[in-house]
Amino acid sequence: MSKISSIPKSFKYAIDGIKTAIKNEPNFRVHLIIAAFAIFLAYYLNFEKFEWLFLLITISFVIILELVNTTLEAIVNLVSPKIKPQAKIAKDVSAAAVLIAAITAIFIGLFLFLPKIFLR
């Protein structure tokens, strides 16, 4: 198979992955809803270029980690269907990474949005 014909398939697989996460992962949907609200609010508050940059990087960071967490959980469930201490550690630590990213995103959001809201 040529590389050119595999590029569209790669995009299809990636989009399928996003659809699967939306369908099966409630936390992913929550992150997307919050991200959409943040983007709408940033537009309404006329964010500057660098504010947009920080916001989009922050949103991407949380969403990427949520996708990685989902991937790791699926792999752990596949290789360790029975509950084992090592499997629990892998899942818990992966979830902790998402939690830390989400908390960091809240602080970045406060840093970006509060001055815009209160100085209007």
PDB file of N, CA and C in Angstrom:
ATOM      1  N   MET A   1       0.847  -1.181   0.000  1.00  0.00           N
ATOM      2  CA  MET A   1       0.000   0.000   0.000  1.00  0.00           C
ATOM      3  C   MET A   1       0.890   1.239   0.000  1.00  0.00           C
ATOM      4  N   SER A   2       0.511   2.200  -0.782  1.00  0.00           N
ATOM      5  CA  SER A   2       1.321   3.411  -0.859  1.00  0.00           C
ATOM      6  C   SER A   2       1.053   4.298   0.351  1.00  0.00           C
ATOM      7  N   LYS A   3       2.024   5.142   0.660  1.00  0.00           N
ATOM      8  CA  LYS A   3       1.893   6.079   1.782  1.00  0.00           C
ATOM      9  C   LYS A   3       0.761   7.077   1.549  1.00  0.00           C
ATOM     10  N   ILE A   4       0.556   7.470   0.307  1.00  0.00           N
ATOM     11  CA  ILE A   4      -0.471   8.462   0.007  1.00  0.00           C
ATOM     12  C   ILE A   4      -1.855   7.925   0.357  1.00  0.00           C
ATOM     13  N   SER A   5      -2.141   6.689  -0.003  1.00  0.00           N
ATOM     14  CA  SER A   5      -3.472   6.155   0.283  1.00  0.00           C
ATOM     15  C   SER A   5      -3.653   5.851   1.761  1.00  0.00           C
ATOM     16  N   SER A   6      -2.561   5.722   2.516  1.00  0.00           N
ATOM     17  CA  SER A   6      -2.709   5.429   3.936  1.00  0.00           C
ATOM     18  C   SER A   6      -2.959   6.693   4.769  1.00  0.00           C
ATOM     19  N   ILE A   7      -2.671   7.863   4.215  1.00  0.00           N
ATOM     20  CA  ILE A   7      -2.909   9.109   4.950  1.00  0.00           C
ATOM     21  C   ILE A   7      -4.393   9.314   5.219  1.00  0.00           C
ATOM     22  N   PRO A   8      -5.267   9.195   4.215  1.00  0.00           N
ATOM     23  CA  PRO A   8      -6.700   9.330   4.520  1.00  0.00           C
ATOM     24  C   PRO A   8      -7.188   8.287   5.533  1.00  0.00           C
ATOM     25  N   LYS A   9      -6.659   7.066   5.452  1.00  0.00           N
ATOM     26  CA  LYS A   9      -7.047   6.034   6.418  1.00  0.00           C
ATOM     27  C   LYS A   9      -6.596   6.428   7.825  1.00  0.00           C
ATOM     28  N   SER A  10      -5.416   7.013   7.922  1.00  0.00           N
ATOM     29  CA  SER A  10      -4.920   7.441   9.228  1.00  0.00           C
ATOM     30  C   SER A  10      -5.843   8.489   9.843  1.00  0.00           C
ATOM     31  N   PHE A  11      -6.295   9.434   9.036  1.00  0.00           N
ATOM     32  CA  PHE A  11      -7.232  10.439   9.526  1.00  0.00           C
ATOM     33  C   PHE A  11      -8.548   9.793   9.934  1.00  0.00           C
ATOM     34  N   LYS A  12      -9.016   8.824   9.143  1.00  0.00           N
ATOM     35  CA  LYS A  12     -10.252   8.130   9.472  1.00  0.00           C
ATOM     36  C   LYS A  12     -10.123   7.409  10.804  1.00  0.00           C
ATOM     37  N   TYR A  13      -8.993   6.737  11.040  1.00  0.00           N
ATOM     38  CA  TYR A  13      -8.787   6.030  12.300  1.00  0.00           C
ATOM     39  C   TYR A  13      -8.767   7.017  13.471  1.00  0.00           C
ATOM     40  N   ALA A  14      -8.121   8.151  13.263  1.00  0.00           N
ATOM     41  CA  ALA A  14      -8.062   9.167  14.322  1.00  0.00           C
ATOM     42  C   ALA A  14      -9.454   9.712  14.635  1.00  0.00           C
ATOM     43  N   ILE A  15     -10.229   9.979  13.609  1.00  0.00           N
ATOM     44  CA  ILE A  15     -11.592  10.481  13.813  1.00  0.00           C
ATOM     45  C   ILE A  15     -12.457   9.408  14.481  1.00  0.00           C
ATOM     46  N   ASP A  16     -12.260   8.156  14.091  1.00  0.00           N
ATOM     47  CA  ASP A  16     -12.965   7.054  14.750  1.00  0.00           C
ATOM     48  C   ASP A  16     -12.605   7.000  16.239  1.00  0.00           C
ATOM     49  N   GLY A  17     -11.344   7.257  16.543  1.00  0.00           N
ATOM     50  CA  GLY A  17     -10.916   7.268  17.945  1.00  0.00           C
ATOM     51  C   GLY A  17     -11.597   8.365  18.736  1.00  0.00           C
ATOM     52  N   ILE A  18     -11.714   9.535  18.141  1.00  0.00           N
ATOM     53  CA  ILE A  18     -12.407  10.648  18.811  1.00  0.00           C
ATOM     54  C   ILE A  18     -13.879  10.297  19.006  1.00  0.00           C
ATOM     55  N   LYS A  19     -14.511   9.734  17.966  1.00  0.00           N
ATOM     56  CA  LYS A  19     -15.915   9.336  18.081  1.00  0.00           C
ATOM     57  C   LYS A  19     -16.104   8.298  19.198  1.00  0.00           C
ATOM     58  N   THR A  20     -15.190   7.345  19.272  1.00  0.00           N
ATOM     59  CA  THR A  20     -15.266   6.320  20.308  1.00  0.00           C
ATOM     60  C   THR A  20     -15.139   6.936  21.694  1.00  0.00           C
ATOM     61  N   ALA A  21     -14.208   7.861  21.847  1.00  0.00           N
ATOM     62  CA  ALA A  21     -14.031   8.521  23.147  1.00  0.00           C
ATOM     63  C   ALA A  21     -15.280   9.316  23.520  1.00  0.00           C
ATOM     64  N   ILE A  22     -15.859  10.022  22.562  1.00  0.00           N
ATOM     65  CA  ILE A  22     -17.082  10.790  22.833  1.00  0.00           C
ATOM     66  C   ILE A  22     -18.218   9.852  23.244  1.00  0.00           C
ATOM     67  N   LYS A  23     -18.336   8.749  22.539  1.00  0.00           N
ATOM     68  CA  LYS A  23     -19.427   7.811  22.795  1.00  0.00           C
ATOM     69  C   LYS A  23     -19.271   7.080  24.129  1.00  0.00           C
ATOM     70  N   ASN A  24     -18.046   6.692  24.465  1.00  0.00           N
ATOM     71  CA  ASN A  24     -17.833   5.781  25.593  1.00  0.00           C
ATOM     72  C   ASN A  24     -17.261   6.412  26.858  1.00  0.00           C
ATOM     73  N   GLU A  25     -16.772   7.624  26.769  1.00  0.00           N
ATOM     74  CA  GLU A  25     -16.079   8.222  27.921  1.00  0.00           C
ATOM     75  C   GLU A  25     -16.790   9.481  28.393  1.00  0.00           C
ATOM     76  N   PRO A  26     -17.550   9.390  29.493  1.00  0.00           N
ATOM     77  CA  PRO A  26     -18.264  10.564  29.996  1.00  0.00           C
ATOM     78  C   PRO A  26     -17.325  11.726  30.351  1.00  0.00           C
ATOM     79  N   ASN A  27     -16.170  11.424  30.914  1.00  0.00           N
ATOM     80  CA  ASN A  27     -15.231  12.498  31.274  1.00  0.00           C
ATOM     81  C   ASN A  27     -14.725  13.236  30.044  1.00  0.00           C
ATOM     82  N   PHE A  28     -14.550  12.512  28.951  1.00  0.00           N
ATOM     83  CA  PHE A  28     -14.116  13.154  27.714  1.00  0.00           C
ATOM     84  C   PHE A  28     -15.174  14.143  27.235  1.00  0.00           C
ATOM     85  N   ARG A  29     -16.435  13.740  27.326  1.00  0.00           N
ATOM     86  CA  ARG A  29     -17.523  14.644  26.938  1.00  0.00           C
ATOM     87  C   ARG A  29     -17.546  15.887  27.827  1.00  0.00           C
ATOM     88  N   VAL A  30     -17.331  15.695  29.118  1.00  0.00           N
ATOM     89  CA  VAL A  30     -17.289  16.841  30.038  1.00  0.00           C
ATOM     90  C   VAL A  30     -16.173  17.794  29.630  1.00  0.00           C
ATOM     91  N   HIS A  31     -14.987  17.261  29.349  1.00  0.00           N
ATOM     92  CA  HIS A  31     -13.860  18.103  28.931  1.00  0.00           C
ATOM     93  C   HIS A  31     -14.190  18.858  27.644  1.00  0.00           C
ATOM     94  N   LEU A  32     -14.851  18.207  26.707  1.00  0.00           N
ATOM     95  CA  LEU A  32     -15.215  18.878  25.452  1.00  0.00           C
ATOM     96  C   LEU A  32     -16.232  19.988  25.678  1.00  0.00           C
ATOM     97  N   ILE A  33     -17.194  19.758  26.553  1.00  0.00           N
ATOM     98  CA  ILE A  33     -18.201  20.784  26.848  1.00  0.00           C
ATOM     99  C   ILE A  33     -17.541  21.988  27.508  1.00  0.00           C
ATOM    100  N   ILE A  34     -16.674  21.734  28.467  1.00  0.00           N
ATOM    101  CA  ILE A  34     -15.973  22.836  29.141  1.00  0.00           C
ATOM    102  C   ILE A  34     -15.080  23.574  28.147  1.00  0.00           C
ATOM    103  N   ALA A  35     -14.414  22.828  27.273  1.00  0.00           N
ATOM    104  CA  ALA A  35     -13.555  23.450  26.258  1.00  0.00           C
ATOM    105  C   ALA A  35     -14.378  24.332  25.322  1.00  0.00           C
ATOM    106  N   ALA A  36     -15.527  23.840  24.889  1.00  0.00           N
ATOM    107  CA  ALA A  36     -16.387  24.634  24.002  1.00  0.00           C
ATOM    108  C   ALA A  36     -16.841  25.912  24.705  1.00  0.00           C
ATOM    109  N   PHE A  37     -17.211  25.800  25.968  1.00  0.00           N
ATOM    110  CA  PHE A  37     -17.629  26.979  26.725  1.00  0.00           C
ATOM    111  C   PHE A  37     -16.472  27.968  26.847  1.00  0.00           C
ATOM    112  N   ALA A  38     -15.263  27.468  27.144  1.00  0.00           N
ATOM    113  CA  ALA A  38     -14.096  28.340  27.276  1.00  0.00           C
ATOM    114  C   ALA A  38     -13.788  29.044  25.958  1.00  0.00           C
ATOM    115  N   ILE A  39     -13.900  28.330  24.850  1.00  0.00           N
ATOM    116  CA  ILE A  39     -13.642  28.927  23.542  1.00  0.00           C
ATOM    117  C   ILE A  39     -14.687  30.006  23.230  1.00  0.00           C
ATOM    118  N   PHE A  40     -15.948  29.715  23.517  1.00  0.00           N
ATOM    119  CA  PHE A  40     -17.008  30.700  23.304  1.00  0.00           C
ATOM    120  C   PHE A  40     -16.757  31.943  24.156  1.00  0.00           C
ATOM    121  N   LEU A  41     -16.436  31.739  25.430  1.00  0.00           N
ATOM    122  CA  LEU A  41     -16.198  32.862  26.334  1.00  0.00           C
ATOM    123  C   LEU A  41     -14.969  33.666  25.892  1.00  0.00           C
ATOM    124  N   ALA A  42     -13.929  32.987  25.456  1.00  0.00           N
ATOM    125  CA  ALA A  42     -12.733  33.682  24.974  1.00  0.00           C
ATOM    126  C   ALA A  42     -13.048  34.535  23.753  1.00  0.00           C
ATOM    127  N   TYR A  43     -13.881  34.010  22.876  1.00  0.00           N
ATOM    128  CA  TYR A  43     -14.306  34.781  21.701  1.00  0.00           C
ATOM    129  C   TYR A  43     -15.102  36.005  22.140  1.00  0.00           C
ATOM    130  N   TYR A  44     -16.029  35.799  23.063  1.00  0.00           N
ATOM    131  CA  TYR A  44     -16.863  36.893  23.561  1.00  0.00           C
ATOM    132  C   TYR A  44     -16.023  37.970  24.250  1.00  0.00           C
ATOM    133  N   LEU A  45     -14.978  37.555  24.952  1.00  0.00           N
ATOM    134  CA  LEU A  45     -14.122  38.496  25.677  1.00  0.00           C
ATOM    135  C   LEU A  45     -12.982  39.053  24.820  1.00  0.00           C
ATOM    136  N   ASN A  46     -12.984  38.733  23.539  1.00  0.00           N
ATOM    137  CA  ASN A  46     -11.978  39.235  22.594  1.00  0.00           C
ATOM    138  C   ASN A  46     -10.549  38.939  23.042  1.00  0.00           C
ATOM    139  N   PHE A  47     -10.270  37.674  23.258  1.00  0.00           N
ATOM    140  CA  PHE A  47      -8.921  37.278  23.642  1.00  0.00           C
ATOM    141  C   PHE A  47      -7.906  37.741  22.599  1.00  0.00           C
ATOM    142  N   GLU A  48      -6.744  38.095  23.079  1.00  0.00           N
ATOM    143  CA  GLU A  48      -5.617  38.440  22.210  1.00  0.00           C
ATOM    144  C   GLU A  48      -4.956  37.155  21.707  1.00  0.00           C
ATOM    145  N   LYS A  49      -4.049  37.307  20.758  1.00  0.00           N
ATOM    146  CA  LYS A  49      -3.396  36.167  20.119  1.00  0.00           C
ATOM    147  C   LYS A  49      -2.740  35.221  21.129  1.00  0.00           C
ATOM    148  N   PHE A  50      -1.964  35.766  22.066  1.00  0.00           N
ATOM    149  CA  PHE A  50      -1.259  34.905  23.009  1.00  0.00           C
ATOM    150  C   PHE A  50      -2.201  34.299  24.049  1.00  0.00           C
ATOM    151  N   GLU A  51      -3.274  34.975  24.356  1.00  0.00           N
ATOM    152  CA  GLU A  51      -4.280  34.386  25.247  1.00  0.00           C
ATOM    153  C   GLU A  51      -4.931  33.180  24.568  1.00  0.00           C
ATOM    154  N   TRP A  52      -5.231  33.324  23.283  1.00  0.00           N
ATOM    155  CA  TRP A  52      -5.762  32.191  22.519  1.00  0.00           C
ATOM    156  C   TRP A  52      -4.766  31.039  22.500  1.00  0.00           C
ATOM    157  N   LEU A  53      -3.509  31.367  22.305  1.00  0.00           N
ATOM    158  CA  LEU A  53      -2.478  30.340  22.260  1.00  0.00           C
ATOM    159  C   LEU A  53      -2.440  29.554  23.569  1.00  0.00           C
ATOM    160  N   PHE A  54      -2.395  30.249  24.693  1.00  0.00           N
ATOM    161  CA  PHE A  54      -2.375  29.576  25.995  1.00  0.00           C
ATOM    162  C   PHE A  54      -3.645  28.756  26.213  1.00  0.00           C
ATOM    163  N   LEU A  55      -4.777  29.311  25.842  1.00  0.00           N
ATOM    164  CA  LEU A  55      -6.042  28.608  26.026  1.00  0.00           C
ATOM    165  C   LEU A  55      -6.086  27.322  25.203  1.00  0.00           C
ATOM    166  N   LEU A  56      -5.725  27.415  23.926  1.00  0.00           N
ATOM    167  CA  LEU A  56      -5.802  26.239  23.055  1.00  0.00           C
ATOM    168  C   LEU A  56      -4.780  25.173  23.434  1.00  0.00           C
ATOM    169  N   ILE A  57      -3.603  25.583  23.856  1.00  0.00           N
ATOM    170  CA  ILE A  57      -2.610  24.604  24.328  1.00  0.00           C
ATOM    171  C   ILE A  57      -3.115  23.911  25.586  1.00  0.00           C
ATOM    172  N   THR A  58      -3.709  24.676  26.488  1.00  0.00           N
ATOM    173  CA  THR A  58      -4.233  24.110  27.727  1.00  0.00           C
ATOM    174  C   THR A  58      -5.358  23.120  27.447  1.00  0.00           C
ATOM    175  N   ILE A  59      -6.295  23.511  26.593  1.00  0.00           N
ATOM    176  CA  ILE A  59      -7.395  22.616  26.230  1.00  0.00           C
ATOM    177  C   ILE A  59      -6.853  21.349  25.578  1.00  0.00           C
ATOM    178  N   SER A  60      -5.923  21.503  24.652  1.00  0.00           N
ATOM    179  CA  SER A  60      -5.341  20.350  23.967  1.00  0.00           C
ATOM    180  C   SER A  60      -4.637  19.419  24.948  1.00  0.00           C
ATOM    181  N   PHE A  61      -3.920  19.993  25.892  1.00  0.00           N
ATOM    182  CA  PHE A  61      -3.191  19.212  26.896  1.00  0.00           C
ATOM    183  C   PHE A  61      -4.153  18.309  27.675  1.00  0.00           C
ATOM    184  N   VAL A  62      -5.245  18.869  28.137  1.00  0.00           N
ATOM    185  CA  VAL A  62      -6.214  18.083  28.916  1.00  0.00           C
ATOM    186  C   VAL A  62      -6.861  17.007  28.040  1.00  0.00           C
ATOM    187  N   ILE A  63      -7.271  17.371  26.845  1.00  0.00           N
ATOM    188  CA  ILE A  63      -7.943  16.414  25.968  1.00  0.00           C
ATOM    189  C   ILE A  63      -6.993  15.294  25.546  1.00  0.00           C
ATOM    190  N   ILE A  64      -5.757  15.641  25.236  1.00  0.00           N
ATOM    191  CA  ILE A  64      -4.775  14.615  24.859  1.00  0.00           C
ATOM    192  C   ILE A  64      -4.546  13.656  26.016  1.00  0.00           C
ATOM    193  N   LEU A  65      -4.377  14.187  27.226  1.00  0.00           N
ATOM    194  CA  LEU A  65      -4.167  13.298  28.370  1.00  0.00           C
ATOM    195  C   LEU A  65      -5.393  12.427  28.635  1.00  0.00           C
ATOM    196  N   GLU A  66      -6.574  12.950  28.427  1.00  0.00           N
ATOM    197  CA  GLU A  66      -7.786  12.137  28.600  1.00  0.00           C
ATOM    198  C   GLU A  66      -7.803  11.000  27.576  1.00  0.00           C
ATOM    199  N   LEU A  67      -7.393  11.284  26.342  1.00  0.00           N
ATOM    200  CA  LEU A  67      -7.324  10.233  25.327  1.00  0.00           C
ATOM    201  C   LEU A  67      -6.253   9.194  25.668  1.00  0.00           C
ATOM    202  N   VAL A  68      -5.110   9.644  26.152  1.00  0.00           N
ATOM    203  CA  VAL A  68      -4.046   8.711  26.561  1.00  0.00           C
ATOM    204  C   VAL A  68      -4.535   7.858  27.736  1.00  0.00           C
ATOM    205  N   ASN A  69      -5.230   8.475  28.683  1.00  0.00           N
ATOM    206  CA  ASN A  69      -5.777   7.737  29.816  1.00  0.00           C
ATOM    207  C   ASN A  69      -6.766   6.667  29.345  1.00  0.00           C
ATOM    208  N   THR A  70      -7.621   7.023  28.414  1.00  0.00           N
ATOM    209  CA  THR A  70      -8.582   6.067  27.866  1.00  0.00           C
ATOM    210  C   THR A  70      -7.859   4.910  27.188  1.00  0.00           C
ATOM    211  N   THR A  71      -6.819   5.237  26.443  1.00  0.00           N
ATOM    212  CA  THR A  71      -6.027   4.208  25.769  1.00  0.00           C
ATOM    213  C   THR A  71      -5.384   3.271  26.777  1.00  0.00           C
ATOM    214  N   LEU A  72      -4.768   3.844  27.793  1.00  0.00           N
ATOM    215  CA  LEU A  72      -4.089   3.021  28.796  1.00  0.00           C
ATOM    216  C   LEU A  72      -5.090   2.128  29.525  1.00  0.00           C
ATOM    217  N   GLU A  73      -6.248   2.667  29.866  1.00  0.00           N
ATOM    218  CA  GLU A  73      -7.263   1.853  30.537  1.00  0.00           C
ATOM    219  C   GLU A  73      -7.707   0.690  29.662  1.00  0.00           C
ATOM    220  N   ALA A  74      -7.888   0.941  28.375  1.00  0.00           N
ATOM    221  CA  ALA A  74      -8.304  -0.127  27.458  1.00  0.00           C
ATOM    222  C   ALA A  74      -7.231  -1.212  27.363  1.00  0.00           C
ATOM    223  N   ILE A  75      -5.975  -0.793  27.287  1.00  0.00           N
ATOM    224  CA  ILE A  75      -4.874  -1.768  27.207  1.00  0.00           C
ATOM    225  C   ILE A  75      -4.784  -2.571  28.497  1.00  0.00           C
ATOM    226  N   VAL A  76      -4.876  -1.894  29.633  1.00  0.00           N
ATOM    227  CA  VAL A  76      -4.812  -2.596  30.920  1.00  0.00           C
ATOM    228  C   VAL A  76      -5.960  -3.594  31.028  1.00  0.00           C
ATOM    229  N   ASN A  77      -7.165  -3.195  30.632  1.00  0.00           N
ATOM    230  CA  ASN A  77      -8.307  -4.114  30.676  1.00  0.00           C
ATOM    231  C   ASN A  77      -8.105  -5.317  29.762  1.00  0.00           C
ATOM    232  N   LEU A  78      -7.426  -5.096  28.648  1.00  0.00           N
ATOM    233  CA  LEU A  78      -7.173  -6.175  27.700  1.00  0.00           C
ATOM    234  C   LEU A  78      -6.155  -7.173  28.251  1.00  0.00           C
ATOM    235  N   VAL A  79      -5.054  -6.668  28.787  1.00  0.00           N
ATOM    236  CA  VAL A  79      -3.982  -7.564  29.239  1.00  0.00           C
ATOM    237  C   VAL A  79      -4.182  -8.067  30.663  1.00  0.00           C
ATOM    238  N   SER A  80      -5.048  -7.401  31.419  1.00  0.00           N
ATOM    239  CA  SER A  80      -5.277  -7.798  32.804  1.00  0.00           C
ATOM    240  C   SER A  80      -6.771  -7.717  33.126  1.00  0.00           C
ATOM    241  N   PRO A  81      -7.558  -8.675  32.609  1.00  0.00           N
ATOM    242  CA  PRO A  81      -8.996  -8.609  32.846  1.00  0.00           C
ATOM    243  C   PRO A  81      -9.361  -8.729  34.331  1.00  0.00           C
ATOM    244  N   LYS A  82      -8.544  -9.444  35.088  1.00  0.00           N
ATOM    245  CA  LYS A  82      -8.769  -9.543  36.528  1.00  0.00           C
ATOM    246  C   LYS A  82      -8.089  -8.368  37.214  1.00  0.00           C
ATOM    247  N   ILE A  83      -8.677  -7.948  38.302  1.00  0.00           N
ATOM    248  CA  ILE A  83      -8.100  -6.819  39.045  1.00  0.00           C
ATOM    249  C   ILE A  83      -6.797  -7.259  39.689  1.00  0.00           C
ATOM    250  N   LYS A  84      -5.734  -6.548  39.353  1.00  0.00           N
ATOM    251  CA  LYS A  84      -4.413  -6.800  39.921  1.00  0.00           C
ATOM    252  C   LYS A  84      -3.867  -5.479  40.434  1.00  0.00           C
ATOM    253  N   PRO A  85      -3.040  -5.521  41.470  1.00  0.00           N
ATOM    254  CA  PRO A  85      -2.505  -4.267  42.025  1.00  0.00           C
ATOM    255  C   PRO A  85      -1.755  -3.420  40.992  1.00  0.00           C
ATOM    256  N   GLN A  86      -0.981  -4.054  40.118  1.00  0.00           N
ATOM    257  CA  GLN A  86      -0.225  -3.293  39.114  1.00  0.00           C
ATOM    258  C   GLN A  86      -1.166  -2.641  38.100  1.00  0.00           C
ATOM    259  N   ALA A  87      -2.237  -3.329  37.751  1.00  0.00           N
ATOM    260  CA  ALA A  87      -3.213  -2.764  36.815  1.00  0.00           C
ATOM    261  C   ALA A  87      -3.901  -1.554  37.443  1.00  0.00           C
ATOM    262  N   LYS A  88      -4.239  -1.666  38.719  1.00  0.00           N
ATOM    263  CA  LYS A  88      -4.858  -0.546  39.424  1.00  0.00           C
ATOM    264  C   LYS A  88      -3.912   0.645  39.482  1.00  0.00           C
ATOM    265  N   ILE A  89      -2.644   0.398  39.748  1.00  0.00           N
ATOM    266  CA  ILE A  89      -1.658   1.489  39.784  1.00  0.00           C
ATOM    267  C   ILE A  89      -1.598   2.189  38.431  1.00  0.00           C
ATOM    268  N   ALA A  90      -1.521   1.423  37.354  1.00  0.00           N
ATOM    269  CA  ALA A  90      -1.439   2.022  36.014  1.00  0.00           C
ATOM    270  C   ALA A  90      -2.660   2.895  35.735  1.00  0.00           C
ATOM    271  N   LYS A  91      -3.846   2.384  36.046  1.00  0.00           N
ATOM    272  CA  LYS A  91      -5.066   3.146  35.791  1.00  0.00           C
ATOM    273  C   LYS A  91      -5.158   4.380  36.687  1.00  0.00           C
ATOM    274  N   ASP A  92      -4.828   4.214  37.955  1.00  0.00           N
ATOM    275  CA  ASP A  92      -4.930   5.335  38.896  1.00  0.00           C
ATOM    276  C   ASP A  92      -3.938   6.442  38.566  1.00  0.00           C
ATOM    277  N   VAL A  93      -2.720   6.072  38.224  1.00  0.00           N
ATOM    278  CA  VAL A  93      -1.708   7.078  37.902  1.00  0.00           C
ATOM    279  C   VAL A  93      -2.066   7.798  36.608  1.00  0.00           C
ATOM    280  N   SER A  94      -2.597   7.073  35.647  1.00  0.00           N
ATOM    281  CA  SER A  94      -3.022   7.703  34.406  1.00  0.00           C
ATOM    282  C   SER A  94      -4.175   8.676  34.660  1.00  0.00           C
ATOM    283  N   ALA A  95      -5.111   8.277  35.497  1.00  0.00           N
ATOM    284  CA  ALA A  95      -6.218   9.170  35.854  1.00  0.00           C
ATOM    285  C   ALA A  95      -5.697  10.384  36.627  1.00  0.00           C
ATOM    286  N   ALA A  96      -4.696  10.177  37.456  1.00  0.00           N
ATOM    287  CA  ALA A  96      -4.101  11.288  38.206  1.00  0.00           C
ATOM    288  C   ALA A  96      -3.475  12.315  37.261  1.00  0.00           C
ATOM    289  N   ALA A  97      -2.864  11.849  36.192  1.00  0.00           N
ATOM    290  CA  ALA A  97      -2.280  12.772  35.215  1.00  0.00           C
ATOM    291  C   ALA A  97      -3.360  13.671  34.617  1.00  0.00           C
ATOM    292  N   VAL A  98      -4.511  13.094  34.309  1.00  0.00           N
ATOM    293  CA  VAL A  98      -5.620  13.884  33.768  1.00  0.00           C
ATOM    294  C   VAL A  98      -6.121  14.872  34.815  1.00  0.00           C
ATOM    295  N   LEU A  99      -6.228  14.415  36.055  1.00  0.00           N
ATOM    296  CA  LEU A  99      -6.689  15.293  37.129  1.00  0.00           C
ATOM    297  C   LEU A  99      -5.757  16.486  37.310  1.00  0.00           C
ATOM    298  N   ILE A 100      -4.461  16.227  37.321  1.00  0.00           N
ATOM    299  CA  ILE A 100      -3.491  17.322  37.472  1.00  0.00           C
ATOM    300  C   ILE A 100      -3.586  18.290  36.297  1.00  0.00           C
ATOM    301  N   ALA A 101      -3.744  17.752  35.087  1.00  0.00           N
ATOM    302  CA  ALA A 101      -3.891  18.624  33.908  1.00  0.00           C
ATOM    303  C   ALA A 101      -5.159  19.454  34.010  1.00  0.00           C
ATOM    304  N   ALA A 102      -6.251  18.848  34.482  1.00  0.00           N
ATOM    305  CA  ALA A 102      -7.514  19.579  34.595  1.00  0.00           C
ATOM    306  C   ALA A 102      -7.420  20.671  35.658  1.00  0.00           C
ATOM    307  N   ILE A 103      -6.785  20.379  36.775  1.00  0.00           N
ATOM    308  CA  ILE A 103      -6.604  21.394  37.827  1.00  0.00           C
ATOM    309  C   ILE A 103      -5.727  22.527  37.314  1.00  0.00           C
ATOM    310  N   THR A 104      -4.671  22.177  36.611  1.00  0.00           N
ATOM    311  CA  THR A 104      -3.801  23.194  36.018  1.00  0.00           C
ATOM    312  C   THR A 104      -4.593  24.045  35.026  1.00  0.00           C
ATOM    313  N   ALA A 105      -5.449  23.406  34.244  1.00  0.00           N
ATOM    314  CA  ALA A 105      -6.280  24.138  33.277  1.00  0.00           C
ATOM    315  C   ALA A 105      -7.213  25.114  33.981  1.00  0.00           C
ATOM    316  N   ILE A 106      -7.729  24.730  35.125  1.00  0.00           N
ATOM    317  CA  ILE A 106      -8.588  25.643  35.886  1.00  0.00           C
ATOM    318  C   ILE A 106      -7.802  26.887  36.292  1.00  0.00           C
ATOM    319  N   PHE A 107      -6.596  26.689  36.807  1.00  0.00           N
ATOM    320  CA  PHE A 107      -5.782  27.837  37.211  1.00  0.00           C
ATOM    321  C   PHE A 107      -5.416  28.724  36.018  1.00  0.00           C
ATOM    322  N   ILE A 108      -5.066  28.102  34.906  1.00  0.00           N
ATOM    323  CA  ILE A 108      -4.766  28.883  33.706  1.00  0.00           C
ATOM    324  C   ILE A 108      -6.005  29.632  33.246  1.00  0.00           C
ATOM    325  N   GLY A 109      -7.161  28.960  33.297  1.00  0.00           N
ATOM    326  CA  GLY A 109      -8.411  29.616  32.933  1.00  0.00           C
ATOM    327  C   GLY A 109      -8.705  30.812  33.822  1.00  0.00           C
ATOM    328  N   LEU A 110      -8.507  30.651  35.116  1.00  0.00           N
ATOM    329  CA  LEU A 110      -8.705  31.783  36.030  1.00  0.00           C
ATOM    330  C   LEU A 110      -7.758  32.925  35.685  1.00  0.00           C
ATOM    331  N   PHE A 111      -6.525  32.594  35.416  1.00  0.00           N
ATOM    332  CA  PHE A 111      -5.515  33.591  35.055  1.00  0.00           C
ATOM    333  C   PHE A 111      -5.908  34.332  33.774  1.00  0.00           C
ATOM    334  N   LEU A 112      -6.455  33.610  32.813  1.00  0.00           N
ATOM    335  CA  LEU A 112      -6.822  34.223  31.532  1.00  0.00           C
ATOM    336  C   LEU A 112      -8.154  34.962  31.586  1.00  0.00           C
ATOM    337  N   PHE A 113      -9.138  34.370  32.240  1.00  0.00           N
ATOM    338  CA  PHE A 113     -10.500  34.911  32.170  1.00  0.00           C
ATOM    339  C   PHE A 113     -10.821  35.969  33.216  1.00  0.00           C
ATOM    340  N   LEU A 114     -10.354  35.796  34.437  1.00  0.00           N
ATOM    341  CA  LEU A 114     -10.751  36.728  35.493  1.00  0.00           C
ATOM    342  C   LEU A 114     -10.410  38.186  35.190  1.00  0.00           C
ATOM    343  N   PRO A 115      -9.204  38.486  34.742  1.00  0.00           N
ATOM    344  CA  PRO A 115      -8.930  39.895  34.418  1.00  0.00           C
ATOM    345  C   PRO A 115      -9.852  40.443  33.328  1.00  0.00           C
ATOM    346  N   LYS A 116     -10.167  39.618  32.339  1.00  0.00           N
ATOM    347  CA  LYS A 116     -11.055  40.050  31.253  1.00  0.00           C
ATOM    348  C   LYS A 116     -12.473  40.306  31.778  1.00  0.00           C
ATOM    349  N   ILE A 117     -12.922  39.451  32.683  1.00  0.00           N
ATOM    350  CA  ILE A 117     -14.293  39.570  33.208  1.00  0.00           C
ATOM    351  C   ILE A 117     -14.418  40.765  34.156  1.00  0.00           C
ATOM    352  N   PHE A 118     -13.453  40.915  35.047  1.00  0.00           N
ATOM    353  CA  PHE A 118     -13.559  41.948  36.068  1.00  0.00           C
ATOM    354  C   PHE A 118     -13.085  43.331  35.618  1.00  0.00           C
ATOM    355  N   LEU A 119     -12.353  43.388  34.527  1.00  0.00           N
ATOM    356  CA  LEU A 119     -11.883  44.687  34.023  1.00  0.00           C
ATOM    357  C   LEU A 119     -12.746  45.196  32.893  1.00  0.00           C
ATOM    358  N   ARG A 120     -13.871  44.588  32.653  1.00  0.00           N
ATOM    359  CA  ARG A 120     -14.787  45.025  31.584  1.00  0.00           C
ATOM    360  C   ARG A 120     -15.543  46.244  32.008  1.00  0.00           C
TER     361      ARG A 120
END
